[in-house]
Amino acid sequence: MEMGENARQRYSRQVMFHGIGEEGQAKLGRGSVVIIGCGALGSNVANLLVRAGVGKIRIIDRDFLEYHNLQRQVLFDENDVIAQLPKAIAAKRRLNTINSLVEVEAVVADVNVSNVESLCSGMGVILDGLDNLESRYLINDAALKLGIPYIYGGAISSFGMTMTMIPGRTPCFRCVFPDIPPEKIMPTCETDGVLGTAAAAISSLEATEAIKILVGSDQLNKDLISLDVWEASFQRLPIARKQGCPACNGDYDFLNKKKTLLKSSLCGQSRAIQIVDTTAGEIVLKQLAGRLTGVKNLTCNEYLLSFDVDNCHITVFPDGRAIIQNTLDEELAEKLYARYIKAH
């Protein structure tokens, strides 16, 4: 596949690199990745891979923008926050201005057992921009079942980790982390904060691994890499496939969990619960807005509807998903969802 003059000039410095060359650049142009989560990690990864010329990039994110995101999420600005844009939509708009040669697809959705396989199927690499552990176990199951390489990445405080997983060839996520640790002992961005530089460092390693996979390099990272940008430390931990790992043996525990109502707390939102009804159909937001009574500060655009009620701020998306802010009470969040969204 020959590059046009635009692409030849755009990627000239990358083509000069011995690990890519013209053949590798052509492979990138035919390649595809799915980035799950477009926060600090995902926005950096998307930025780097769009600039590198990966042919198709699917960005999936469930959240909308707030001012605290701007400290570390490189694709967004204050106008995106004011416009109440979902992260995936704002990312696509920005990426389209960076490289019009790349196909960017934005999906505003929660990745869960009901959709993970369809969202990842057919893509060349799955990249981790997530902010919670349970979703990573689910992605790991899907990657193994579909035979798609999965690049894990995580960042909190000044620390980050990443690992590349190739189904059938390398250890998987559950080989390294067999069980989900208790939620209370795990640090989050709400408890420990996060430096943008830590996310940038990990996302650079993730994006590089994706490029290597797409060009067919045999120099993939085989270790669990950890770094601390504040302490300027970098470590490589050799890992091996765990004998009896259920996921490696085709027992996809997390992929087989079938629930109709999914509840989770959100790291990016202060005191927030997300409710996902996997049986809900498409919601016409303007129609829902017209039926709501007894709520305050009602706003609505094509991407989301928000309002205040019972000291909570509720944001509703067209897929029937809702984020209930100012509470960590799952029972209260479920009652508000049933009263103001499901009942309408």
C-alpha atoms as a PDB file:
ATOM      1  CA  MET A   1       0.000   0.000   0.000  1.00  0.00           C
ATOM      2  CA  GLU A   2       1.673   3.216  -1.174  1.00  0.00           C
ATOM      3  CA  MET A   3       1.425   6.377   0.880  1.00  0.00           C
ATOM      4  CA  GLY A   4       0.104   9.576  -0.679  1.00  0.00           C
ATOM      5  CA  GLU A   5       2.156  12.742  -0.507  1.00  0.00           C
ATOM      6  CA  ASN A   6       0.236  14.007   2.520  1.00  0.00           C
ATOM      7  CA  ALA A   7       0.946  10.810   4.461  1.00  0.00           C
ATOM      8  CA  ARG A   8       4.540  10.638   3.223  1.00  0.00           C
ATOM      9  CA  GLN A   9       5.279  14.064   4.641  1.00  0.00           C
ATOM     10  CA  ARG A  10       3.236  13.573   7.799  1.00  0.00           C
ATOM     11  CA  TYR A  11       4.911  10.315   8.814  1.00  0.00           C
ATOM     12  CA  SER A  12       8.385  10.958   7.371  1.00  0.00           C
ATOM     13  CA  ARG A  13      10.211  11.046  10.730  1.00  0.00           C
ATOM     14  CA  GLN A  14       8.429   7.902  11.896  1.00  0.00           C
ATOM     15  CA  VAL A  15       9.207   6.064   8.657  1.00  0.00           C
ATOM     16  CA  MET A  16      12.896   6.858   9.172  1.00  0.00           C
ATOM     17  CA  PHE A  17      12.823   4.870  12.415  1.00  0.00           C
ATOM     18  CA  HIS A  18      14.353   1.425  11.846  1.00  0.00           C
ATOM     19  CA  GLY A  19      11.557  -0.397  13.666  1.00  0.00           C
ATOM     20  CA  ILE A  20       8.838   0.927  11.326  1.00  0.00           C
ATOM     21  CA  GLY A  21       9.943   1.996   7.853  1.00  0.00           C
ATOM     22  CA  GLU A  22       7.537   2.339   4.919  1.00  0.00           C
ATOM     23  CA  GLU A  23       6.238  -1.213   5.236  1.00  0.00           C
ATOM     24  CA  GLY A  24       5.511  -0.759   8.927  1.00  0.00           C
ATOM     25  CA  GLN A  25       3.790   2.560   8.294  1.00  0.00           C
ATOM     26  CA  ALA A  26       1.569   0.909   5.708  1.00  0.00           C
ATOM     27  CA  LYS A  27       0.670  -1.767   8.273  1.00  0.00           C
ATOM     28  CA  LEU A  28      -0.242   0.939  10.765  1.00  0.00           C
ATOM     29  CA  GLY A  29      -2.521   2.488   8.169  1.00  0.00           C
ATOM     30  CA  ARG A  30      -4.335  -0.832   7.806  1.00  0.00           C
ATOM     31  CA  GLY A  31      -4.408  -1.438  11.564  1.00  0.00           C
ATOM     32  CA  SER A  32      -7.153  -0.891  14.108  1.00  0.00           C
ATOM     33  CA  VAL A  33      -7.303  -0.423  17.865  1.00  0.00           C
ATOM     34  CA  VAL A  34     -10.038  -0.061  20.450  1.00  0.00           C
ATOM     35  CA  ILE A  35      -9.315   2.207  23.420  1.00  0.00           C
ATOM     36  CA  ILE A  36     -11.553   1.492  26.400  1.00  0.00           C
ATOM     37  CA  GLY A  37     -11.729   4.583  28.575  1.00  0.00           C
ATOM     38  CA  CYS A  38     -10.745   8.058  27.401  1.00  0.00           C
ATOM     39  CA  GLY A  39      -9.490   9.659  30.588  1.00  0.00           C
ATOM     40  CA  ALA A  40      -5.872  10.370  31.479  1.00  0.00           C
ATOM     41  CA  LEU A  41      -4.545   7.160  29.914  1.00  0.00           C
ATOM     42  CA  GLY A  42      -6.948   6.772  27.013  1.00  0.00           C
ATOM     43  CA  SER A  43      -6.770  10.374  25.799  1.00  0.00           C
ATOM     44  CA  ASN A  44      -2.970  10.239  25.715  1.00  0.00           C
ATOM     45  CA  VAL A  45      -2.985   6.870  23.936  1.00  0.00           C
ATOM     46  CA  ALA A  46      -5.534   8.084  21.371  1.00  0.00           C
ATOM     47  CA  ASN A  47      -3.535  11.239  20.714  1.00  0.00           C
ATOM     48  CA  LEU A  48      -0.324   9.286  20.112  1.00  0.00           C
ATOM     49  CA  LEU A  49      -1.876   6.603  17.888  1.00  0.00           C
ATOM     50  CA  VAL A  50      -3.838   9.067  15.752  1.00  0.00           C
ATOM     51  CA  ARG A  51      -0.637  11.034  15.182  1.00  0.00           C
ATOM     52  CA  ALA A  52       1.186   7.773  14.397  1.00  0.00           C
ATOM     53  CA  GLY A  53      -1.313   6.997  11.626  1.00  0.00           C
ATOM     54  CA  VAL A  54      -3.173   3.939  12.910  1.00  0.00           C
ATOM     55  CA  GLY A  55      -5.945   3.452  10.343  1.00  0.00           C
ATOM     56  CA  LYS A  56      -8.972   3.000  12.631  1.00  0.00           C
ATOM     57  CA  ILE A  57      -9.373   3.955  16.269  1.00  0.00           C
ATOM     58  CA  ARG A  58     -12.512   3.178  18.256  1.00  0.00           C
ATOM     59  CA  ILE A  59     -12.789   5.175  21.492  1.00  0.00           C
ATOM     60  CA  ILE A  60     -15.252   3.966  24.121  1.00  0.00           C
ATOM     61  CA  ASP A  61     -16.002   5.982  27.239  1.00  0.00           C
ATOM     62  CA  ARG A  62     -18.984   6.199  29.587  1.00  0.00           C
ATOM     63  CA  ASP A  63     -18.278   9.560  31.176  1.00  0.00           C
ATOM     64  CA  PHE A  64     -18.713  13.280  30.509  1.00  0.00           C
ATOM     65  CA  LEU A  65     -16.222  16.085  31.061  1.00  0.00           C
ATOM     66  CA  GLU A  66     -15.597  18.055  34.239  1.00  0.00           C
ATOM     67  CA  TYR A  67     -13.002  20.718  35.009  1.00  0.00           C
ATOM     68  CA  HIS A  68     -10.821  18.409  37.113  1.00  0.00           C
ATOM     69  CA  ASN A  69     -10.265  16.258  33.994  1.00  0.00           C
ATOM     70  CA  LEU A  70      -8.327  19.043  32.253  1.00  0.00           C
ATOM     71  CA  GLN A  71      -5.306  18.618  34.540  1.00  0.00           C
ATOM     72  CA  ARG A  72      -4.296  15.367  32.839  1.00  0.00           C
ATOM     73  CA  GLN A  73      -6.616  14.539  29.900  1.00  0.00           C
ATOM     74  CA  VAL A  74      -4.847  16.045  26.899  1.00  0.00           C
ATOM     75  CA  LEU A  75      -7.587  16.064  24.240  1.00  0.00           C
ATOM     76  CA  PHE A  76     -10.006  18.371  26.054  1.00  0.00           C
ATOM     77  CA  ASP A  77     -10.390  22.059  26.884  1.00  0.00           C
ATOM     78  CA  GLU A  78     -12.693  24.340  28.848  1.00  0.00           C
ATOM     79  CA  ASN A  79     -15.150  24.701  25.967  1.00  0.00           C
ATOM     80  CA  ASP A  80     -15.760  20.942  26.019  1.00  0.00           C
ATOM     81  CA  VAL A  81     -16.637  21.118  29.711  1.00  0.00           C
ATOM     82  CA  ILE A  82     -18.980  24.084  29.192  1.00  0.00           C
ATOM     83  CA  ALA A  83     -20.701  22.210  26.342  1.00  0.00           C
ATOM     84  CA  GLN A  84     -21.243  19.180  28.640  1.00  0.00           C
ATOM     85  CA  LEU A  85     -19.713  16.831  26.092  1.00  0.00           C
ATOM     86  CA  PRO A  86     -19.120  13.132  26.653  1.00  0.00           C
ATOM     87  CA  LYS A  87     -15.408  12.380  26.585  1.00  0.00           C
ATOM     88  CA  ALA A  88     -15.626  10.092  23.550  1.00  0.00           C
ATOM     89  CA  ILE A  89     -17.385  12.774  21.479  1.00  0.00           C
ATOM     90  CA  ALA A  90     -14.984  15.545  22.497  1.00  0.00           C
ATOM     91  CA  ALA A  91     -12.029  13.242  21.793  1.00  0.00           C
ATOM     92  CA  LYS A  92     -13.268  12.398  18.299  1.00  0.00           C
ATOM     93  CA  ARG A  93     -13.777  16.087  17.458  1.00  0.00           C
ATOM     94  CA  ARG A  94     -10.252  16.941  18.550  1.00  0.00           C
ATOM     95  CA  LEU A  95      -8.625  13.920  16.899  1.00  0.00           C
ATOM     96  CA  ASN A  96     -10.343  14.645  13.577  1.00  0.00           C
ATOM     97  CA  THR A  97      -8.560  18.013  13.519  1.00  0.00           C
ATOM     98  CA  ILE A  98      -5.200  16.370  14.269  1.00  0.00           C
ATOM     99  CA  ASN A  99      -5.238  13.729  11.533  1.00  0.00           C
ATOM    100  CA  SER A 100      -8.029  13.518   8.970  1.00  0.00           C
ATOM    101  CA  LEU A 101      -6.413  10.412   7.449  1.00  0.00           C
ATOM    102  CA  VAL A 102      -7.443   8.317  10.465  1.00  0.00           C
ATOM    103  CA  GLU A 103     -10.956   6.944  10.986  1.00  0.00           C
ATOM    104  CA  VAL A 104     -12.011   7.769  14.542  1.00  0.00           C
ATOM    105  CA  GLU A 105     -15.152   6.198  15.963  1.00  0.00           C
ATOM    106  CA  ALA A 106     -16.661   7.512  19.211  1.00  0.00           C
ATOM    107  CA  VAL A 107     -18.835   5.232  21.345  1.00  0.00           C
ATOM    108  CA  VAL A 108     -20.502   6.686  24.434  1.00  0.00           C
ATOM    109  CA  ALA A 109     -21.159   3.556  26.469  1.00  0.00           C
ATOM    110  CA  ASP A 110     -20.327   1.567  29.550  1.00  0.00           C
ATOM    111  CA  VAL A 111     -18.332  -1.516  28.594  1.00  0.00           C
ATOM    112  CA  ASN A 112     -19.926  -4.481  30.359  1.00  0.00           C
ATOM    113  CA  VAL A 113     -20.854  -8.133  29.853  1.00  0.00           C
ATOM    114  CA  SER A 114     -23.674  -7.230  27.483  1.00  0.00           C
ATOM    115  CA  ASN A 115     -21.531  -5.418  24.893  1.00  0.00           C
ATOM    116  CA  VAL A 116     -17.814  -6.036  25.438  1.00  0.00           C
ATOM    117  CA  GLU A 117     -17.461  -8.729  22.776  1.00  0.00           C
ATOM    118  CA  SER A 118     -19.272  -6.787  20.068  1.00  0.00           C
ATOM    119  CA  LEU A 119     -17.301  -3.606  20.847  1.00  0.00           C
ATOM    120  CA  CYS A 120     -13.927  -5.369  20.681  1.00  0.00           C
ATOM    121  CA  SER A 121     -14.559  -7.933  17.941  1.00  0.00           C
ATOM    122  CA  GLY A 122     -12.538  -7.455  14.769  1.00  0.00           C
ATOM    123  CA  MET A 123     -10.089  -4.945  16.244  1.00  0.00           C
ATOM    124  CA  GLY A 124      -6.340  -5.490  16.145  1.00  0.00           C
ATOM    125  CA  VAL A 125      -5.441  -4.392  19.678  1.00  0.00           C
ATOM    126  CA  ILE A 126      -7.342  -3.589  22.881  1.00  0.00           C
ATOM    127  CA  LEU A 127      -5.863  -0.727  24.906  1.00  0.00           C
ATOM    128  CA  ASP A 128      -6.609  -0.077  28.554  1.00  0.00           C
ATOM    129  CA  GLY A 129      -7.686   3.408  29.593  1.00  0.00           C
ATOM    130  CA  LEU A 130      -9.782   2.143  32.507  1.00  0.00           C
ATOM    131  CA  ASP A 131     -10.077   3.394  36.063  1.00  0.00           C
ATOM    132  CA  ASN A 132     -11.314   0.252  37.824  1.00  0.00           C
ATOM    133  CA  LEU A 133     -10.060  -3.290  38.311  1.00  0.00           C
ATOM    134  CA  GLU A 134     -13.204  -5.347  37.684  1.00  0.00           C
ATOM    135  CA  SER A 135     -13.536  -3.999  34.153  1.00  0.00           C
ATOM    136  CA  ARG A 136      -9.978  -5.125  33.443  1.00  0.00           C
ATOM    137  CA  TYR A 137     -10.830  -8.714  34.360  1.00  0.00           C
ATOM    138  CA  LEU A 138     -13.772  -8.503  31.975  1.00  0.00           C
ATOM    139  CA  ILE A 139     -11.586  -7.089  29.172  1.00  0.00           C
ATOM    140  CA  ASN A 140      -9.003  -9.788  29.833  1.00  0.00           C
ATOM    141  CA  ASP A 141     -11.667 -12.494  29.381  1.00  0.00           C
ATOM    142  CA  ALA A 142     -12.927 -10.899  26.178  1.00  0.00           C
ATOM    143  CA  ALA A 143      -9.411 -10.508  24.756  1.00  0.00           C
ATOM    144  CA  LEU A 144      -8.608 -14.161  25.397  1.00  0.00           C
ATOM    145  CA  LYS A 145     -11.906 -15.401  23.975  1.00  0.00           C
ATOM    146  CA  LEU A 146     -11.595 -13.237  20.845  1.00  0.00           C
ATOM    147  CA  GLY A 147      -7.828 -13.793  20.448  1.00  0.00           C
ATOM    148  CA  ILE A 148      -6.997 -10.069  20.487  1.00  0.00           C
ATOM    149  CA  PRO A 149      -3.831  -8.641  22.131  1.00  0.00           C
ATOM    150  CA  TYR A 150      -4.617  -6.619  25.264  1.00  0.00           C
ATOM    151  CA  ILE A 151      -2.335  -3.909  26.652  1.00  0.00           C
ATOM    152  CA  TYR A 152      -2.971  -3.197  30.323  1.00  0.00           C
ATOM    153  CA  GLY A 153      -2.144   0.176  31.821  1.00  0.00           C
ATOM    154  CA  GLY A 154      -2.923   1.883  35.089  1.00  0.00           C
ATOM    155  CA  ALA A 155      -1.815   5.069  36.844  1.00  0.00           C
ATOM    156  CA  ILE A 156      -2.494   6.471  40.303  1.00  0.00           C
ATOM    157  CA  SER A 157      -0.671   9.128  42.302  1.00  0.00           C
ATOM    158  CA  SER A 158       2.851   9.253  40.770  1.00  0.00           C
ATOM    159  CA  PHE A 159       2.910   5.517  40.034  1.00  0.00           C
ATOM    160  CA  GLY A 160       1.971   3.469  36.981  1.00  0.00           C
ATOM    161  CA  MET A 161       2.048  -0.078  35.594  1.00  0.00           C
ATOM    162  CA  THR A 162       1.687  -1.671  32.173  1.00  0.00           C
ATOM    163  CA  MET A 163       1.866  -5.132  30.620  1.00  0.00           C
ATOM    164  CA  THR A 164       1.332  -6.549  27.151  1.00  0.00           C
ATOM    165  CA  MET A 165      -0.751  -9.710  26.805  1.00  0.00           C
ATOM    166  CA  ILE A 166      -0.912 -11.846  23.657  1.00  0.00           C
ATOM    167  CA  PRO A 167      -3.532 -14.641  23.887  1.00  0.00           C
ATOM    168  CA  GLY A 168      -1.942 -18.083  23.885  1.00  0.00           C
ATOM    169  CA  ARG A 169       1.611 -16.705  24.090  1.00  0.00           C
ATOM    170  CA  THR A 170       1.967 -14.636  27.251  1.00  0.00           C
ATOM    171  CA  PRO A 171       0.564 -14.571  30.776  1.00  0.00           C
ATOM    172  CA  CYS A 172      -2.842 -12.924  31.024  1.00  0.00           C
ATOM    173  CA  PHE A 173      -4.071 -10.357  33.535  1.00  0.00           C
ATOM    174  CA  ARG A 174      -5.368 -13.075  35.893  1.00  0.00           C
ATOM    175  CA  CYS A 175      -2.017 -14.855  35.848  1.00  0.00           C
ATOM    176  CA  VAL A 176      -0.580 -11.782  37.554  1.00  0.00           C
ATOM    177  CA  PHE A 177      -3.639 -10.666  39.545  1.00  0.00           C
ATOM    178  CA  PRO A 178      -5.685 -13.851  40.189  1.00  0.00           C
ATOM    179  CA  ASP A 179      -8.408 -12.183  42.282  1.00  0.00           C
ATOM    180  CA  ILE A 180      -9.892  -8.725  42.668  1.00  0.00           C
ATOM    181  CA  PRO A 181      -8.426  -7.162  45.820  1.00  0.00           C
ATOM    182  CA  PRO A 182     -10.860  -5.758  48.409  1.00  0.00           C
ATOM    183  CA  GLU A 183     -12.109  -2.376  47.227  1.00  0.00           C
ATOM    184  CA  LYS A 184     -11.287  -0.609  50.495  1.00  0.00           C
ATOM    185  CA  ILE A 185      -7.544  -1.342  50.309  1.00  0.00           C
ATOM    186  CA  MET A 186      -7.101  -0.100  46.739  1.00  0.00           C
ATOM    187  CA  PRO A 187      -6.009   3.525  46.211  1.00  0.00           C
ATOM    188  CA  THR A 188      -8.053   5.602  43.785  1.00  0.00           C
ATOM    189  CA  CYS A 189      -7.703   9.023  42.209  1.00  0.00           C
ATOM    190  CA  GLU A 190     -10.219  10.204  44.828  1.00  0.00           C
ATOM    191  CA  THR A 191      -7.960   9.085  47.707  1.00  0.00           C
ATOM    192  CA  ASP A 192      -4.436   9.475  46.288  1.00  0.00           C
ATOM    193  CA  GLY A 193      -4.820  11.814  43.315  1.00  0.00           C
ATOM    194  CA  VAL A 194      -2.935  11.308  40.068  1.00  0.00           C
ATOM    195  CA  LEU A 195      -0.177  13.168  38.268  1.00  0.00           C
ATOM    196  CA  GLY A 196      -0.694  13.832  34.584  1.00  0.00           C
ATOM    197  CA  THR A 197       2.957  12.962  34.027  1.00  0.00           C
ATOM    198  CA  ALA A 198       2.442   9.440  35.433  1.00  0.00           C
ATOM    199  CA  ALA A 199      -0.479   8.843  33.077  1.00  0.00           C
ATOM    200  CA  ALA A 200       1.511  10.290  30.158  1.00  0.00           C
ATOM    201  CA  ALA A 201       4.465   7.975  30.848  1.00  0.00           C
ATOM    202  CA  ILE A 202       2.332   4.817  31.040  1.00  0.00           C
ATOM    203  CA  SER A 203       0.224   5.764  28.014  1.00  0.00           C
ATOM    204  CA  SER A 204       3.389   6.320  25.972  1.00  0.00           C
ATOM    205  CA  LEU A 205       4.483   2.768  26.766  1.00  0.00           C
ATOM    206  CA  GLU A 206       1.013   1.435  25.929  1.00  0.00           C
ATOM    207  CA  ALA A 207       0.903   3.257  22.588  1.00  0.00           C
ATOM    208  CA  THR A 208       4.401   2.041  21.692  1.00  0.00           C
ATOM    209  CA  GLU A 209       3.407  -1.563  22.393  1.00  0.00           C
ATOM    210  CA  ALA A 210       0.336  -1.161  20.175  1.00  0.00           C
ATOM    211  CA  ILE A 211       2.514   0.169  17.355  1.00  0.00           C
ATOM    212  CA  LYS A 212       4.885  -2.785  17.743  1.00  0.00           C
ATOM    213  CA  ILE A 213       2.005  -5.262  17.578  1.00  0.00           C
ATOM    214  CA  LEU A 214       0.504  -3.632  14.499  1.00  0.00           C
ATOM    215  CA  VAL A 215       3.783  -3.518  12.566  1.00  0.00           C
ATOM    216  CA  GLY A 216       4.602  -7.116  13.534  1.00  0.00           C
ATOM    217  CA  SER A 217       7.633  -6.439  15.710  1.00  0.00           C
ATOM    218  CA  ASP A 218       9.075  -9.291  17.771  1.00  0.00           C
ATOM    219  CA  GLN A 219      10.375  -6.855  20.418  1.00  0.00           C
ATOM    220  CA  LEU A 220       7.229  -6.784  22.546  1.00  0.00           C
ATOM    221  CA  ASN A 221       7.452  -6.121  26.262  1.00  0.00           C
ATOM    222  CA  LYS A 222       7.371  -9.445  28.108  1.00  0.00           C
ATOM    223  CA  ASP A 223       7.431  -8.036  31.636  1.00  0.00           C
ATOM    224  CA  LEU A 224       5.193  -6.172  34.061  1.00  0.00           C
ATOM    225  CA  ILE A 225       6.630  -2.661  34.017  1.00  0.00           C
ATOM    226  CA  SER A 226       6.190  -0.275  36.924  1.00  0.00           C
ATOM    227  CA  LEU A 227       7.429   3.271  37.279  1.00  0.00           C
ATOM    228  CA  ASP A 228       7.216   6.212  39.630  1.00  0.00           C
ATOM    229  CA  VAL A 229       7.713   9.581  37.974  1.00  0.00           C
ATOM    230  CA  TRP A 230       8.142  11.400  41.312  1.00  0.00           C
ATOM    231  CA  GLU A 231      10.903   9.072  42.479  1.00  0.00           C
ATOM    232  CA  ALA A 232      12.253   8.648  38.919  1.00  0.00           C
ATOM    233  CA  SER A 233      12.233   4.851  39.316  1.00  0.00           C
ATOM    234  CA  PHE A 234      11.604   2.185  36.668  1.00  0.00           C
ATOM    235  CA  GLN A 235      11.281  -1.551  37.265  1.00  0.00           C
ATOM    236  CA  ARG A 236      10.695  -4.630  35.115  1.00  0.00           C
ATOM    237  CA  LEU A 237       9.168  -7.685  36.772  1.00  0.00           C
ATOM    238  CA  PRO A 238       9.476 -10.915  34.752  1.00  0.00           C
ATOM    239  CA  ILE A 239       6.186 -12.825  34.757  1.00  0.00           C
ATOM    240  CA  ALA A 240       5.142 -16.337  33.766  1.00  0.00           C
ATOM    241  CA  ARG A 241       1.854 -17.967  32.843  1.00  0.00           C
ATOM    242  CA  LYS A 242       0.162 -19.299  35.954  1.00  0.00           C
ATOM    243  CA  GLN A 243      -0.605 -22.980  35.919  1.00  0.00           C
ATOM    244  CA  GLY A 244      -4.324 -23.472  36.359  1.00  0.00           C
ATOM    245  CA  CYS A 245      -5.241 -19.881  35.453  1.00  0.00           C
ATOM    246  CA  PRO A 246      -8.989 -20.128  34.717  1.00  0.00           C
ATOM    247  CA  ALA A 247      -8.962 -17.425  32.035  1.00  0.00           C
ATOM    248  CA  CYS A 248      -6.033 -18.962  30.145  1.00  0.00           C
ATOM    249  CA  ASN A 249      -7.896 -22.284  30.277  1.00  0.00           C
ATOM    250  CA  GLY A 250     -11.048 -20.835  28.746  1.00  0.00           C
ATOM    251  CA  ASP A 251     -13.069 -20.340  31.937  1.00  0.00           C
ATOM    252  CA  TYR A 252     -14.235 -16.744  31.500  1.00  0.00           C
ATOM    253  CA  ASP A 253     -15.715 -16.041  34.922  1.00  0.00           C
ATOM    254  CA  PHE A 254     -16.197 -12.310  34.406  1.00  0.00           C
ATOM    255  CA  LEU A 255     -17.514 -12.611  30.874  1.00  0.00           C
ATOM    256  CA  ASN A 256     -20.091 -15.141  32.040  1.00  0.00           C
ATOM    257  CA  LYS A 257     -21.551 -12.949  34.789  1.00  0.00           C
ATOM    258  CA  LYS A 258     -24.965 -12.056  33.433  1.00  0.00           C
ATOM    259  CA  LYS A 259     -26.626  -9.204  35.323  1.00  0.00           C
ATOM    260  CA  THR A 260     -29.403  -6.935  34.147  1.00  0.00           C
ATOM    261  CA  LEU A 261     -28.751  -4.056  36.560  1.00  0.00           C
ATOM    262  CA  LEU A 262     -25.119  -3.024  36.994  1.00  0.00           C
ATOM    263  CA  LYS A 263     -24.041  -0.602  39.717  1.00  0.00           C
ATOM    264  CA  SER A 264     -20.562   0.833  40.185  1.00  0.00           C
ATOM    265  CA  SER A 265     -18.848   3.775  41.858  1.00  0.00           C
ATOM    266  CA  LEU A 266     -16.893   6.061  39.543  1.00  0.00           C
ATOM    267  CA  CYS A 267     -13.328   7.130  40.237  1.00  0.00           C
ATOM    268  CA  GLY A 268     -13.538  10.229  38.077  1.00  0.00           C
ATOM    269  CA  GLN A 269     -16.694  11.555  39.693  1.00  0.00           C
ATOM    270  CA  SER A 270     -16.719  12.707  43.308  1.00  0.00           C
ATOM    271  CA  ARG A 271     -19.263  10.562  45.206  1.00  0.00           C
ATOM    272  CA  ALA A 272     -21.045   9.045  42.232  1.00  0.00           C
ATOM    273  CA  ILE A 273     -22.824   5.795  41.371  1.00  0.00           C
ATOM    274  CA  GLN A 274     -23.393   4.610  37.815  1.00  0.00           C
ATOM    275  CA  ILE A 275     -26.509   2.573  37.046  1.00  0.00           C
ATOM    276  CA  VAL A 276     -26.686   0.489  33.860  1.00  0.00           C
ATOM    277  CA  ASP A 277     -29.843  -1.408  32.934  1.00  0.00           C
ATOM    278  CA  THR A 278     -28.744  -3.845  30.241  1.00  0.00           C
ATOM    279  CA  THR A 279     -32.391  -4.452  29.305  1.00  0.00           C
ATOM    280  CA  ALA A 280     -33.163  -0.764  28.725  1.00  0.00           C
ATOM    281  CA  GLY A 281     -33.814   0.389  25.211  1.00  0.00           C
ATOM    282  CA  GLU A 282     -32.827   3.661  23.600  1.00  0.00           C
ATOM    283  CA  ILE A 283     -34.039   6.767  25.449  1.00  0.00           C
ATOM    284  CA  VAL A 284     -35.060   9.887  23.536  1.00  0.00           C
ATOM    285  CA  LEU A 285     -33.616  12.476  25.890  1.00  0.00           C
ATOM    286  CA  LYS A 286     -35.868  15.369  24.829  1.00  0.00           C
ATOM    287  CA  GLN A 287     -38.945  13.256  25.407  1.00  0.00           C
ATOM    288  CA  LEU A 288     -37.712  12.191  28.849  1.00  0.00           C
ATOM    289  CA  ALA A 289     -36.980  15.843  29.690  1.00  0.00           C
ATOM    290  CA  GLY A 290     -40.550  16.764  28.782  1.00  0.00           C
ATOM    291  CA  ARG A 291     -41.978  14.105  31.111  1.00  0.00           C
ATOM    292  CA  LEU A 292     -39.884  14.881  34.185  1.00  0.00           C
ATOM    293  CA  THR A 293     -41.561  16.811  36.990  1.00  0.00           C
ATOM    294  CA  GLY A 294     -40.328  18.090  40.333  1.00  0.00           C
ATOM    295  CA  VAL A 295     -36.694  18.370  39.246  1.00  0.00           C
ATOM    296  CA  LYS A 296     -34.363  21.377  39.162  1.00  0.00           C
ATOM    297  CA  ASN A 297     -31.648  22.695  36.824  1.00  0.00           C
ATOM    298  CA  LEU A 298     -32.791  20.543  33.905  1.00  0.00           C
ATOM    299  CA  THR A 299     -30.475  20.704  30.875  1.00  0.00           C
ATOM    300  CA  CYS A 300     -30.477  18.571  27.746  1.00  0.00           C
ATOM    301  CA  ASN A 301     -28.408  18.177  24.574  1.00  0.00           C
ATOM    302  CA  GLU A 302     -28.106  15.403  21.995  1.00  0.00           C
ATOM    303  CA  TYR A 303     -25.632  13.484  24.166  1.00  0.00           C
ATOM    304  CA  LEU A 304     -26.967  13.733  27.720  1.00  0.00           C
ATOM    305  CA  LEU A 305     -29.691  15.040  30.017  1.00  0.00           C
ATOM    306  CA  SER A 306     -29.002  16.273  33.545  1.00  0.00           C
ATOM    307  CA  PHE A 307     -31.060  17.493  36.487  1.00  0.00           C
ATOM    308  CA  ASP A 308     -31.008  17.871  40.265  1.00  0.00           C
ATOM    309  CA  VAL A 309     -33.333  16.065  42.645  1.00  0.00           C
ATOM    310  CA  ASP A 310     -33.162  14.999  46.312  1.00  0.00           C
ATOM    311  CA  ASN A 311     -29.721  16.617  46.744  1.00  0.00           C
ATOM    312  CA  CYS A 312     -28.346  14.488  43.893  1.00  0.00           C
ATOM    313  CA  HIS A 313     -27.235  15.482  40.398  1.00  0.00           C
ATOM    314  CA  ILE A 314     -28.348  12.929  37.789  1.00  0.00           C
ATOM    315  CA  THR A 315     -26.969  12.590  34.260  1.00  0.00           C
ATOM    316  CA  VAL A 316     -28.784  10.337  31.788  1.00  0.00           C
ATOM    317  CA  PHE A 317     -27.432   9.006  28.484  1.00  0.00           C
ATOM    318  CA  PRO A 318     -29.383   7.808  25.408  1.00  0.00           C
ATOM    319  CA  ASP A 319     -28.546   4.156  26.141  1.00  0.00           C
ATOM    320  CA  GLY A 320     -30.504   4.342  29.407  1.00  0.00           C
ATOM    321  CA  ARG A 321     -27.433   4.615  31.592  1.00  0.00           C
ATOM    322  CA  ALA A 322     -27.313   7.147  34.419  1.00  0.00           C
ATOM    323  CA  ILE A 323     -24.712   8.643  36.740  1.00  0.00           C
ATOM    324  CA  ILE A 324     -26.048   9.733  40.128  1.00  0.00           C
ATOM    325  CA  GLN A 325     -23.679  12.204  41.800  1.00  0.00           C
ATOM    326  CA  ASN A 326     -23.432  13.311  45.436  1.00  0.00           C
ATOM    327  CA  THR A 327     -24.081   9.858  46.861  1.00  0.00           C
ATOM    328  CA  LEU A 328     -22.285   6.564  47.380  1.00  0.00           C
ATOM    329  CA  ASP A 329     -25.491   4.854  48.512  1.00  0.00           C
ATOM    330  CA  GLU A 330     -26.272   2.250  45.849  1.00  0.00           C
ATOM    331  CA  GLU A 331     -29.780   1.647  47.213  1.00  0.00           C
ATOM    332  CA  LEU A 332     -30.619   5.363  46.954  1.00  0.00           C
ATOM    333  CA  ALA A 333     -29.111   5.565  43.469  1.00  0.00           C
ATOM    334  CA  GLU A 334     -31.200   2.589  42.331  1.00  0.00           C
ATOM    335  CA  LYS A 335     -34.396   4.132  43.737  1.00  0.00           C
ATOM    336  CA  LEU A 336     -33.738   7.446  41.971  1.00  0.00           C
ATOM    337  CA  TYR A 337     -33.025   5.595  38.721  1.00  0.00           C
ATOM    338  CA  ALA A 338     -36.270   3.636  39.009  1.00  0.00           C
ATOM    339  CA  ARG A 339     -38.331   6.733  39.841  1.00  0.00           C
ATOM    340  CA  TYR A 340     -37.016   9.269  37.352  1.00  0.00           C
ATOM    341  CA  ILE A 341     -35.679   7.205  34.459  1.00  0.00           C
ATOM    342  CA  LYS A 342     -37.027   3.668  34.303  1.00  0.00           C
ATOM    343  CA  ALA A 343     -40.562   4.700  35.276  1.00  0.00           C
ATOM    344  CA  HIS A 344     -40.645   7.190  32.389  1.00  0.00           C
END
